[in-house]
N, C-alpha and C. Protein backbone atom coordinates (compact mmCIF):
# COMPACT_ATOMS: atom_id res chain seq x y z
N MET A 1 20.96 18.61 -51.99
CA MET A 1 21.87 17.91 -51.11
C MET A 1 21.50 18.24 -49.67
N THR A 2 21.42 17.23 -48.87
CA THR A 2 21.05 17.45 -47.48
C THR A 2 22.16 17.06 -46.51
N GLN A 3 23.27 16.60 -47.02
CA GLN A 3 24.38 16.20 -46.15
C GLN A 3 25.70 16.52 -46.84
N ASP A 4 26.81 16.31 -46.12
CA ASP A 4 28.11 16.51 -46.75
C ASP A 4 28.26 15.56 -47.93
N SER A 5 28.63 16.11 -49.06
CA SER A 5 28.81 15.32 -50.27
C SER A 5 30.02 15.82 -51.02
N LYS A 6 30.70 14.91 -51.68
CA LYS A 6 31.79 15.31 -52.55
C LYS A 6 31.18 15.64 -53.90
N VAL A 7 31.23 16.93 -54.26
CA VAL A 7 30.63 17.36 -55.53
C VAL A 7 31.67 17.91 -56.49
N LEU A 8 32.88 18.13 -56.00
CA LEU A 8 33.88 18.75 -56.85
C LEU A 8 35.27 18.31 -56.39
N THR A 9 36.10 18.00 -57.34
CA THR A 9 37.50 17.72 -57.06
C THR A 9 38.32 18.75 -57.83
N VAL A 10 39.23 19.42 -57.12
CA VAL A 10 40.08 20.43 -57.73
C VAL A 10 41.51 19.91 -57.69
N THR A 11 42.16 19.92 -58.83
CA THR A 11 43.56 19.52 -58.91
C THR A 11 44.35 20.70 -59.45
N PHE A 12 45.44 21.00 -58.78
CA PHE A 12 46.29 22.08 -59.25
C PHE A 12 47.73 21.74 -58.92
N GLN A 13 48.63 22.46 -59.51
CA GLN A 13 50.05 22.27 -59.26
C GLN A 13 50.63 23.58 -58.76
N ALA A 14 51.29 23.52 -57.62
CA ALA A 14 51.91 24.71 -57.06
C ALA A 14 53.18 25.02 -57.83
N LYS A 15 53.62 26.25 -57.75
CA LYS A 15 54.90 26.58 -58.37
C LYS A 15 56.00 25.77 -57.68
N THR A 16 57.08 25.53 -58.37
CA THR A 16 58.18 24.77 -57.81
C THR A 16 58.78 25.51 -56.62
N VAL A 17 58.97 24.79 -55.53
CA VAL A 17 59.54 25.38 -54.33
C VAL A 17 60.76 24.57 -53.90
N SER A 18 61.65 25.19 -53.14
CA SER A 18 62.81 24.48 -52.63
C SER A 18 62.64 24.10 -51.17
N VAL A 19 61.61 24.61 -50.53
CA VAL A 19 61.34 24.31 -49.13
C VAL A 19 59.88 23.89 -49.00
N GLU A 20 59.65 22.79 -48.28
CA GLU A 20 58.27 22.35 -48.07
C GLU A 20 57.52 23.40 -47.25
N ALA A 21 56.22 23.52 -47.50
CA ALA A 21 55.43 24.55 -46.83
C ALA A 21 53.99 24.08 -46.68
N MET A 22 53.25 24.78 -45.87
CA MET A 22 51.82 24.55 -45.71
C MET A 22 51.09 25.78 -46.27
N ALA A 23 49.91 25.57 -46.80
CA ALA A 23 49.11 26.67 -47.34
C ALA A 23 47.64 26.37 -47.10
N GLN A 24 46.83 27.37 -47.21
CA GLN A 24 45.39 27.18 -47.09
C GLN A 24 44.72 27.54 -48.40
N VAL A 25 43.76 26.71 -48.76
CA VAL A 25 42.93 26.96 -49.94
C VAL A 25 41.51 27.15 -49.42
N SER A 26 40.90 28.25 -49.79
CA SER A 26 39.56 28.57 -49.30
C SER A 26 38.60 28.79 -50.45
N VAL A 27 37.37 28.34 -50.24
CA VAL A 27 36.25 28.64 -51.13
C VAL A 27 35.24 29.36 -50.26
N ASP A 28 34.96 30.61 -50.58
CA ASP A 28 34.04 31.40 -49.76
C ASP A 28 32.59 31.06 -50.06
N LYS A 29 32.30 30.84 -51.33
CA LYS A 29 30.92 30.59 -51.74
C LYS A 29 30.94 29.80 -53.04
N ALA A 30 30.10 28.82 -53.14
CA ALA A 30 30.00 28.05 -54.39
C ALA A 30 28.52 27.81 -54.70
N VAL A 31 28.18 27.99 -55.95
CA VAL A 31 26.82 27.71 -56.39
C VAL A 31 26.88 26.51 -57.31
N VAL A 32 26.11 25.49 -57.00
CA VAL A 32 26.06 24.28 -57.82
C VAL A 32 24.62 24.09 -58.29
N ALA A 33 24.48 23.34 -59.36
CA ALA A 33 23.14 23.10 -59.90
C ALA A 33 22.99 21.64 -60.26
N ASP A 34 21.76 21.13 -60.14
CA ASP A 34 21.51 19.75 -60.54
C ASP A 34 21.12 19.72 -62.02
N GLN A 35 20.73 18.54 -62.52
CA GLN A 35 20.41 18.36 -63.94
C GLN A 35 19.20 19.16 -64.39
N GLN A 36 18.34 19.52 -63.45
CA GLN A 36 17.16 20.31 -63.80
C GLN A 36 17.41 21.81 -63.65
N GLY A 37 18.62 22.19 -63.29
CA GLY A 37 18.96 23.60 -63.15
C GLY A 37 18.65 24.18 -61.79
N LYS A 38 18.24 23.35 -60.85
CA LYS A 38 17.97 23.84 -59.50
C LYS A 38 19.30 24.18 -58.83
N GLU A 39 19.43 25.44 -58.42
CA GLU A 39 20.67 25.91 -57.84
C GLU A 39 20.67 25.77 -56.32
N LEU A 40 21.86 25.55 -55.81
CA LEU A 40 22.06 25.44 -54.37
C LEU A 40 23.37 26.14 -54.04
N THR A 41 23.33 27.00 -53.03
CA THR A 41 24.55 27.67 -52.60
C THR A 41 25.19 26.81 -51.51
N ALA A 42 26.41 26.39 -51.78
CA ALA A 42 27.13 25.54 -50.83
C ALA A 42 27.89 26.41 -49.83
N GLN A 43 28.03 25.91 -48.64
CA GLN A 43 28.75 26.60 -47.59
C GLN A 43 30.24 26.64 -47.93
N GLY A 44 30.91 27.70 -47.55
CA GLY A 44 32.34 27.83 -47.79
C GLY A 44 33.14 26.83 -46.98
N SER A 45 34.38 26.64 -47.39
CA SER A 45 35.25 25.68 -46.71
C SER A 45 36.70 26.10 -46.89
N THR A 46 37.53 25.74 -45.94
CA THR A 46 38.97 25.99 -46.01
C THR A 46 39.70 24.69 -45.73
N LYS A 47 40.68 24.39 -46.55
CA LYS A 47 41.49 23.19 -46.38
C LYS A 47 42.95 23.60 -46.28
N THR A 48 43.68 22.98 -45.39
CA THR A 48 45.12 23.18 -45.30
C THR A 48 45.80 22.09 -46.12
N ILE A 49 46.73 22.51 -46.95
CA ILE A 49 47.42 21.56 -47.82
C ILE A 49 48.93 21.66 -47.60
N GLY A 50 49.62 20.59 -47.87
CA GLY A 50 51.08 20.58 -47.81
C GLY A 50 51.65 20.72 -49.20
N ILE A 51 52.66 21.55 -49.33
CA ILE A 51 53.36 21.72 -50.60
C ILE A 51 54.72 21.07 -50.43
N THR A 52 55.01 20.08 -51.25
CA THR A 52 56.25 19.32 -51.09
C THR A 52 57.24 19.64 -52.20
N VAL A 53 58.47 19.34 -51.92
CA VAL A 53 59.54 19.54 -52.88
C VAL A 53 59.62 18.29 -53.76
N PRO A 54 59.62 18.46 -55.08
CA PRO A 54 59.73 17.28 -55.95
C PRO A 54 61.00 16.50 -55.62
N GLN A 55 60.89 15.17 -55.57
CA GLN A 55 62.02 14.35 -55.16
C GLN A 55 63.02 14.11 -56.28
N GLY A 56 62.56 13.88 -57.48
CA GLY A 56 63.48 13.69 -58.59
C GLY A 56 64.42 12.51 -58.39
N VAL A 57 65.63 12.63 -58.88
CA VAL A 57 66.64 11.58 -58.79
C VAL A 57 67.39 11.75 -57.47
N PRO A 58 67.42 10.72 -56.61
CA PRO A 58 68.18 10.83 -55.37
C PRO A 58 69.65 11.18 -55.66
N GLY A 59 70.18 12.16 -54.97
CA GLY A 59 71.55 12.59 -55.17
C GLY A 59 71.72 13.67 -56.22
N ASP A 60 70.67 13.96 -56.99
CA ASP A 60 70.73 14.99 -58.03
C ASP A 60 70.44 16.35 -57.38
N LEU A 61 71.44 16.92 -56.77
CA LEU A 61 71.25 18.13 -55.97
C LEU A 61 71.12 19.39 -56.81
N ASN A 62 71.61 19.37 -58.04
CA ASN A 62 71.48 20.56 -58.91
C ASN A 62 70.32 20.41 -59.90
N HIS A 63 69.54 19.34 -59.76
CA HIS A 63 68.30 19.13 -60.51
C HIS A 63 68.49 19.13 -62.03
N ASP A 64 69.58 18.50 -62.50
CA ASP A 64 69.79 18.40 -63.94
C ASP A 64 69.43 17.02 -64.48
N GLY A 65 68.84 16.17 -63.62
CA GLY A 65 68.37 14.86 -64.07
C GLY A 65 69.40 13.75 -63.98
N LYS A 66 70.59 14.04 -63.46
CA LYS A 66 71.63 13.01 -63.33
C LYS A 66 72.49 13.33 -62.12
N VAL A 67 73.21 12.31 -61.63
CA VAL A 67 74.09 12.50 -60.49
C VAL A 67 75.52 12.57 -61.01
N THR A 68 76.18 13.71 -60.78
CA THR A 68 77.52 13.96 -61.31
C THR A 68 78.40 14.59 -60.24
N ILE A 69 79.62 14.89 -60.62
CA ILE A 69 80.57 15.54 -59.72
C ILE A 69 80.03 16.88 -59.21
N GLY A 70 79.20 17.54 -59.99
CA GLY A 70 78.59 18.79 -59.55
C GLY A 70 77.73 18.59 -58.31
N ASP A 71 77.00 17.48 -58.28
CA ASP A 71 76.17 17.17 -57.12
C ASP A 71 77.04 16.86 -55.90
N LEU A 72 78.14 16.14 -56.13
CA LEU A 72 79.07 15.84 -55.04
C LEU A 72 79.66 17.12 -54.47
N ALA A 73 79.97 18.08 -55.33
CA ALA A 73 80.50 19.36 -54.87
C ALA A 73 79.48 20.11 -54.01
N ILE A 74 78.22 20.07 -54.41
CA ILE A 74 77.17 20.72 -53.62
C ILE A 74 77.08 20.08 -52.25
N ALA A 75 77.08 18.74 -52.20
CA ALA A 75 77.01 18.04 -50.92
C ALA A 75 78.24 18.35 -50.07
N ALA A 76 79.41 18.37 -50.70
CA ALA A 76 80.64 18.65 -49.97
C ALA A 76 80.61 20.05 -49.35
N SER A 77 79.99 21.00 -50.03
CA SER A 77 79.92 22.36 -49.49
C SER A 77 79.02 22.43 -48.26
N SER A 78 78.19 21.41 -48.06
CA SER A 78 77.30 21.36 -46.89
C SER A 78 77.80 20.38 -45.84
N TYR A 79 79.00 19.83 -46.04
CA TYR A 79 79.56 18.84 -45.14
C TYR A 79 79.57 19.36 -43.70
N GLY A 80 79.08 18.52 -42.79
CA GLY A 80 79.06 18.88 -41.37
C GLY A 80 77.81 19.62 -40.93
N LYS A 81 76.99 20.05 -41.85
CA LYS A 81 75.75 20.75 -41.50
C LYS A 81 74.75 19.72 -40.96
N SER A 82 73.91 20.17 -40.04
CA SER A 82 72.93 19.25 -39.43
C SER A 82 71.55 19.89 -39.43
N ALA A 83 70.59 19.10 -38.97
CA ALA A 83 69.21 19.56 -38.94
C ALA A 83 69.03 20.79 -38.06
N SER A 84 69.96 21.07 -37.17
CA SER A 84 69.86 22.25 -36.32
C SER A 84 70.38 23.52 -37.02
N ASP A 85 70.96 23.36 -38.20
CA ASP A 85 71.46 24.50 -38.96
C ASP A 85 70.28 25.34 -39.44
N PRO A 86 70.36 26.67 -39.37
CA PRO A 86 69.23 27.50 -39.80
C PRO A 86 68.89 27.36 -41.29
N ASN A 87 69.83 26.90 -42.11
CA ASN A 87 69.58 26.72 -43.54
C ASN A 87 69.27 25.27 -43.91
N TRP A 88 68.91 24.45 -42.96
CA TRP A 88 68.73 23.03 -43.20
C TRP A 88 67.72 22.74 -44.31
N GLN A 89 66.66 23.50 -44.39
CA GLN A 89 65.65 23.24 -45.42
C GLN A 89 66.25 23.34 -46.82
N GLN A 90 67.24 24.20 -47.02
CA GLN A 90 67.85 24.36 -48.32
C GLN A 90 68.90 23.28 -48.61
N ILE A 91 69.48 22.67 -47.58
CA ILE A 91 70.58 21.72 -47.80
C ILE A 91 70.24 20.29 -47.44
N LYS A 92 69.05 20.03 -46.90
CA LYS A 92 68.76 18.68 -46.42
C LYS A 92 68.71 17.63 -47.53
N ALA A 93 68.57 18.03 -48.78
CA ALA A 93 68.59 17.06 -49.87
C ALA A 93 69.95 16.38 -49.97
N ALA A 94 71.00 17.01 -49.45
CA ALA A 94 72.34 16.40 -49.46
C ALA A 94 72.48 15.32 -48.40
N ASP A 95 71.54 15.24 -47.48
CA ASP A 95 71.52 14.21 -46.44
C ASP A 95 70.80 12.98 -46.99
N LEU A 96 71.48 12.23 -47.83
CA LEU A 96 70.84 11.11 -48.53
C LEU A 96 70.32 10.03 -47.60
N ASN A 97 71.01 9.76 -46.51
CA ASN A 97 70.56 8.69 -45.61
C ASN A 97 69.60 9.21 -44.54
N ARG A 98 69.25 10.47 -44.60
CA ARG A 98 68.24 11.09 -43.74
C ARG A 98 68.53 10.90 -42.24
N ASP A 99 69.82 11.02 -41.86
CA ASP A 99 70.15 10.90 -40.44
C ASP A 99 70.31 12.25 -39.76
N GLY A 100 69.99 13.33 -40.47
CA GLY A 100 70.01 14.66 -39.88
C GLY A 100 71.34 15.37 -39.94
N VAL A 101 72.31 14.82 -40.69
CA VAL A 101 73.60 15.47 -40.85
C VAL A 101 74.18 15.12 -42.21
N VAL A 102 74.81 16.08 -42.86
CA VAL A 102 75.52 15.81 -44.12
C VAL A 102 76.93 15.40 -43.72
N ASP A 103 77.25 14.14 -43.92
CA ASP A 103 78.54 13.61 -43.47
C ASP A 103 79.16 12.74 -44.56
N ILE A 104 80.23 12.05 -44.19
CA ILE A 104 80.97 11.23 -45.15
C ILE A 104 80.09 10.14 -45.77
N ALA A 105 79.12 9.64 -45.01
CA ALA A 105 78.23 8.62 -45.55
C ALA A 105 77.42 9.17 -46.72
N ASP A 106 77.00 10.40 -46.64
CA ASP A 106 76.25 11.02 -47.73
C ASP A 106 77.13 11.28 -48.94
N LEU A 107 78.36 11.75 -48.70
CA LEU A 107 79.29 11.98 -49.81
C LEU A 107 79.63 10.66 -50.50
N ALA A 108 79.82 9.60 -49.71
CA ALA A 108 80.12 8.28 -50.28
C ALA A 108 78.93 7.77 -51.08
N ALA A 109 77.72 8.02 -50.60
CA ALA A 109 76.52 7.57 -51.33
C ALA A 109 76.42 8.26 -52.68
N ILE A 110 76.71 9.55 -52.73
CA ILE A 110 76.66 10.27 -54.00
C ILE A 110 77.78 9.78 -54.92
N ALA A 111 78.98 9.57 -54.37
CA ALA A 111 80.08 9.05 -55.18
C ALA A 111 79.74 7.69 -55.76
N THR A 112 79.09 6.85 -54.99
CA THR A 112 78.66 5.52 -55.47
C THR A 112 77.65 5.67 -56.61
N LEU A 113 76.72 6.60 -56.47
CA LEU A 113 75.74 6.83 -57.54
C LEU A 113 76.43 7.29 -58.81
N ILE A 114 77.47 8.12 -58.68
CA ILE A 114 78.21 8.58 -59.86
C ILE A 114 78.92 7.41 -60.54
N LEU A 115 79.56 6.57 -59.74
CA LEU A 115 80.33 5.44 -60.29
C LEU A 115 79.43 4.37 -60.91
N ASN A 116 78.21 4.24 -60.41
CA ASN A 116 77.29 3.19 -60.88
C ASN A 116 76.35 3.63 -61.99
N ARG A 117 76.54 4.81 -62.55
CA ARG A 117 75.62 5.27 -63.59
C ARG A 117 75.96 4.72 -64.93
């Protein structure tokens, strides 16, 4: 190989997280070989990746696969919290309309999901 080439694709799954994060994946040294066994040492590389929170069912705040009164209770306990709250990463899933605050609109949205199931 004489130029940048895609020779390997790595797929992995991060452990389940409740807060989105960034991480770095590094390969310090890789040895690859062609069909004739000729080896080549590839230069190391580092990639920054984003780790996201699984979205699941909108409004399912307790992650049980359905929207119930339990989810409404979780949202209600975060009522009035906003994106400026230090715990926002843990409670932002209750902000269904993504306006940066857990308010009556979010509680009504969860209640509607419960009634329409």
